[in-house]
C-alpha atoms as a PDB file:
ATOM      1  CA  MET A   1     -26.315   6.185   4.237  1.00  0.00           C
ATOM      2  CA  LEU A   2     -22.552   5.585   4.170  1.00  0.00           C
ATOM      3  CA  THR A   3     -21.085   2.433   5.662  1.00  0.00           C
ATOM      4  CA  SER A   4     -17.676   1.916   7.276  1.00  0.00           C
ATOM      5  CA  ASP A   5     -16.446   0.802   3.827  1.00  0.00           C
ATOM      6  CA  ASP A   6     -17.033   4.371   2.672  1.00  0.00           C
ATOM      7  CA  SER A   7     -14.404   5.968   4.902  1.00  0.00           C
ATOM      8  CA  ASP A   8     -12.697   7.702   1.946  1.00  0.00           C
ATOM      9  CA  LYS A   9     -15.997   9.200   0.778  1.00  0.00           C
ATOM     10  CA  ARG A  10     -16.813  10.284   4.352  1.00  0.00           C
ATOM     11  CA  ALA A  11     -13.365  11.902   4.698  1.00  0.00           C
ATOM     12  CA  TRP A  12     -14.002  13.788   1.446  1.00  0.00           C
ATOM     13  CA  LEU A  13     -17.499  14.923   2.467  1.00  0.00           C
ATOM     14  CA  ASP A  14     -16.194  16.166   5.818  1.00  0.00           C
ATOM     15  CA  LEU A  15     -13.293  17.967   4.129  1.00  0.00           C
ATOM     16  CA  ALA A  16     -15.481  19.584   1.468  1.00  0.00           C
ATOM     17  CA  GLU A  17     -18.010  20.755   4.056  1.00  0.00           C
ATOM     18  CA  SER A  18     -15.249  22.159   6.263  1.00  0.00           C
ATOM     19  CA  LEU A  19     -13.732  24.086   3.346  1.00  0.00           C
ATOM     20  CA  VAL A  20     -17.096  25.568   2.347  1.00  0.00           C
ATOM     21  CA  GLU A  21     -17.877  26.563   5.939  1.00  0.00           C
ATOM     22  CA  THR A  22     -14.490  28.012   6.892  1.00  0.00           C
ATOM     23  CA  GLU A  23     -12.921  29.395   3.712  1.00  0.00           C
ATOM     24  CA  ASP A  24     -14.249  32.553   2.039  1.00  0.00           C
ATOM     25  CA  GLY A  25     -15.145  32.095  -1.607  1.00  0.00           C
ATOM     26  CA  VAL A  26     -15.217  28.279  -1.543  1.00  0.00           C
ATOM     27  CA  ALA A  27     -18.296  26.532  -2.946  1.00  0.00           C
ATOM     28  CA  ARG A  28     -19.342  23.044  -3.998  1.00  0.00           C
ATOM     29  CA  GLY A  29     -19.037  22.136  -7.658  1.00  0.00           C
ATOM     30  CA  LYS A  30     -18.226  19.373 -10.134  1.00  0.00           C
ATOM     31  CA  MET A  31     -15.045  18.139 -11.805  1.00  0.00           C
ATOM     32  CA  MET A  32     -16.305  16.196 -14.783  1.00  0.00           C
ATOM     33  CA  SER A  33     -18.832  13.985 -12.942  1.00  0.00           C
ATOM     34  CA  SER A  34     -17.058  14.039  -9.559  1.00  0.00           C
ATOM     35  CA  ASP A  35     -17.949  16.058  -6.467  1.00  0.00           C
ATOM     36  CA  ALA A  36     -15.605  19.054  -6.115  1.00  0.00           C
ATOM     37  CA  VAL A  37     -14.909  22.334  -4.350  1.00  0.00           C
ATOM     38  CA  THR A  38     -14.280  25.577  -6.200  1.00  0.00           C
ATOM     39  CA  PHE A  39     -12.810  29.005  -5.625  1.00  0.00           C
ATOM     40  CA  GLY A  40     -13.773  31.795  -7.977  1.00  0.00           C
ATOM     41  CA  GLY A  41     -15.699  29.264 -10.046  1.00  0.00           C
ATOM     42  CA  LYS A  42     -12.621  27.096 -10.623  1.00  0.00           C
ATOM     43  CA  VAL A  43     -12.121  23.620  -9.179  1.00  0.00           C
ATOM     44  CA  PHE A  44      -9.128  23.178  -6.868  1.00  0.00           C
ATOM     45  CA  ALA A  45     -10.031  19.819  -5.275  1.00  0.00           C
ATOM     46  CA  PHE A  46     -12.332  16.897  -6.061  1.00  0.00           C
ATOM     47  CA  PHE A  47     -13.026  13.325  -5.023  1.00  0.00           C
ATOM     48  CA  THR A  48     -13.062  10.439  -7.464  1.00  0.00           C
ATOM     49  CA  THR A  49     -13.703   6.720  -7.298  1.00  0.00           C
ATOM     50  CA  LYS A  50     -13.392   6.236 -11.042  1.00  0.00           C
ATOM     51  CA  GLY A  51     -10.538   4.472 -12.758  1.00  0.00           C
ATOM     52  CA  ARG A  52      -7.578   2.696 -11.207  1.00  0.00           C
ATOM     53  CA  PHE A  53      -6.883   5.405  -8.676  1.00  0.00           C
ATOM     54  CA  ALA A  54      -9.476   6.601  -6.181  1.00  0.00           C
ATOM     55  CA  GLY A  55      -8.985   9.509  -3.840  1.00  0.00           C
ATOM     56  CA  LEU A  56      -8.533  13.250  -3.596  1.00  0.00           C
ATOM     57  CA  GLY A  57      -7.612  15.223  -6.689  1.00  0.00           C
ATOM     58  CA  VAL A  58      -5.905  18.585  -6.170  1.00  0.00           C
ATOM     59  CA  ARG A  59      -4.585  21.215  -8.539  1.00  0.00           C
ATOM     60  CA  LEU A  60      -1.112  22.208  -7.383  1.00  0.00           C
ATOM     61  CA  GLY A  61       0.192  23.625 -10.640  1.00  0.00           C
ATOM     62  CA  ARG A  62       3.285  22.708 -12.596  1.00  0.00           C
ATOM     63  CA  ASP A  63       5.732  24.829 -10.598  1.00  0.00           C
ATOM     64  CA  LEU A  64       5.375  22.918  -7.335  1.00  0.00           C
ATOM     65  CA  ASP A  65       7.788  20.022  -6.789  1.00  0.00           C
ATOM     66  CA  VAL A  66       5.283  17.290  -5.930  1.00  0.00           C
ATOM     67  CA  PHE A  67       8.069  15.001  -4.709  1.00  0.00           C
ATOM     68  CA  SER A  68       8.941  17.541  -1.981  1.00  0.00           C
ATOM     69  CA  LEU A  69       5.516  16.894  -0.411  1.00  0.00           C
ATOM     70  CA  LYS A  70       6.671  13.401   0.615  1.00  0.00           C
ATOM     71  CA  LEU A  71       3.353  11.779  -0.273  1.00  0.00           C
ATOM     72  CA  THR A  72       3.436   7.992  -0.471  1.00  0.00           C
ATOM     73  CA  ASP A  73       0.206   7.314  -2.405  1.00  0.00           C
ATOM     74  CA  TRP A  74      -0.188   9.637  -5.389  1.00  0.00           C
ATOM     75  CA  GLU A  75      -0.048   9.944  -9.155  1.00  0.00           C
ATOM     76  CA  TYR A  76      -0.594  12.607 -11.790  1.00  0.00           C
ATOM     77  CA  LEU A  77      -4.167  12.906 -13.017  1.00  0.00           C
ATOM     78  CA  ALA A  78      -4.538  11.095 -16.342  1.00  0.00           C
ATOM     79  CA  PRO A  79      -8.237  11.003 -17.215  1.00  0.00           C
ATOM     80  CA  PHE A  80      -7.750  10.370 -20.935  1.00  0.00           C
ATOM     81  CA  LYS A  81      -6.197   7.177 -22.301  1.00  0.00           C
ATOM     82  CA  SER A  82      -4.883   8.840 -25.450  1.00  0.00           C
ATOM     83  CA  LYS A  83      -3.434  11.965 -23.797  1.00  0.00           C
ATOM     84  CA  PRO A  84      -0.533  12.493 -21.380  1.00  0.00           C
ATOM     85  CA  PRO A  85      -1.192  13.154 -17.669  1.00  0.00           C
ATOM     86  CA  MET A  86      -2.314  16.585 -16.525  1.00  0.00           C
ATOM     87  CA  MET A  87       0.859  17.605 -14.702  1.00  0.00           C
ATOM     88  CA  ASP A  88      -0.796  20.403 -12.717  1.00  0.00           C
ATOM     89  CA  TRP A  89      -3.174  17.930 -11.012  1.00  0.00           C
ATOM     90  CA  ILE A  90      -2.407  14.990  -8.723  1.00  0.00           C
ATOM     91  CA  LEU A  91      -4.562  12.269  -7.201  1.00  0.00           C
ATOM     92  CA  ILE A  92      -3.800  11.365  -3.593  1.00  0.00           C
ATOM     93  CA  GLY A  93      -4.870   7.920  -2.467  1.00  0.00           C
ATOM     94  CA  PRO A  94      -6.231   6.542   0.798  1.00  0.00           C
ATOM     95  CA  ALA A  95      -2.793   5.775   2.271  1.00  0.00           C
ATOM     96  CA  ASP A  96      -2.265   9.556   2.546  1.00  0.00           C
ATOM     97  CA  ARG A  97      -5.862  10.349   3.555  1.00  0.00           C
ATOM     98  CA  ASP A  98      -4.666  12.038   6.745  1.00  0.00           C
ATOM     99  CA  ARG A  99      -2.944  14.627   4.515  1.00  0.00           C
ATOM    100  CA  TRP A 100      -5.980  15.370   2.332  1.00  0.00           C
ATOM    101  CA  PRO A 101      -6.985  18.496   4.320  1.00  0.00           C
ATOM    102  CA  GLU A 102      -3.435  19.866   4.129  1.00  0.00           C
ATOM    103  CA  MET A 103      -3.216  19.222   0.384  1.00  0.00           C
ATOM    104  CA  ALA A 104      -6.668  20.686  -0.341  1.00  0.00           C
ATOM    105  CA  ARG A 105      -5.788  23.841   1.586  1.00  0.00           C
ATOM    106  CA  LEU A 106      -2.460  24.061  -0.234  1.00  0.00           C
ATOM    107  CA  ALA A 107      -4.324  23.851  -3.556  1.00  0.00           C
ATOM    108  CA  LEU A 108      -6.731  26.565  -2.355  1.00  0.00           C
ATOM    109  CA  ASP A 109      -3.848  28.792  -1.228  1.00  0.00           C
ATOM    110  CA  LEU A 110      -2.144  28.389  -4.609  1.00  0.00           C
ATOM    111  CA  MET A 111      -5.367  29.231  -6.445  1.00  0.00           C
ATOM    112  CA  ARG A 112      -5.992  32.279  -4.220  1.00  0.00           C
ATOM    113  CA  SER A 113      -2.447  33.485  -4.788  1.00  0.00           C
ATOM    114  CA  ALA A 114      -2.799  33.130  -8.548  1.00  0.00           C
ATOM    115  CA  ALA A 115      -6.107  35.043  -8.467  1.00  0.00           C
ATOM    116  CA  GLU A 116      -4.553  37.837  -6.374  1.00  0.00           C
ATOM    117  CA  THR A 117      -1.588  38.097  -8.753  1.00  0.00           C
ATOM    118  CA  LYS A 118      -3.906  38.255 -11.755  1.00  0.00           C
ATOM    119  CA  ALA A 119      -6.030  40.957 -10.089  1.00  0.00           C
ATOM    120  CA  ALA A 120      -2.936  42.994  -9.162  1.00  0.00           C
ATOM    121  CA  LYS A 121      -1.653  42.824 -12.737  1.00  0.00           C
ATOM    122  CA  LYS A 122      -5.045  43.920 -14.038  1.00  0.00           C
ATOM    123  CA  ARG A 123      -5.127  46.876 -11.618  1.00  0.00           C
ATOM    124  CA  ALA A 124      -1.596  47.893 -12.580  1.00  0.00           C
ATOM    125  CA  LYS A 125      -2.442  47.724 -16.263  1.00  0.00           C
ATOM    126  CA  SER A 126      -5.592  49.829 -15.852  1.00  0.00           C
ATOM    127  CA  ALA A 127      -3.698  52.413 -13.762  1.00  0.00           C
ATOM    128  CA  LYS A 128      -1.357  53.187 -16.681  1.00  0.00           C
END
């Protein structure tokens, strides 16, 4: 049973359930040991309480200007002490929790778009 101190976890659980119920191709999964949601077997969002930064992790890719999102509580995902941050992933903290659904859906849209582009390229190549 979650307590009121678990509002971040509750927000994540509600978001993950909503994505699975309303978005075609979205399923529950794992990102390392964290609860996640996937599309096409690939993680696009997860929730973590490990390390210094707790919150929503989303894969937005390297081409998106993260600063244009105007988030106030975020950082690049850096799960390994001896390696640089993973610049295609960000963690969004509790101060921006109201934007978690928007950011998770953006990550899903980006992943869907990439999958559609890859499929179109494959079809074009096989049509030659």
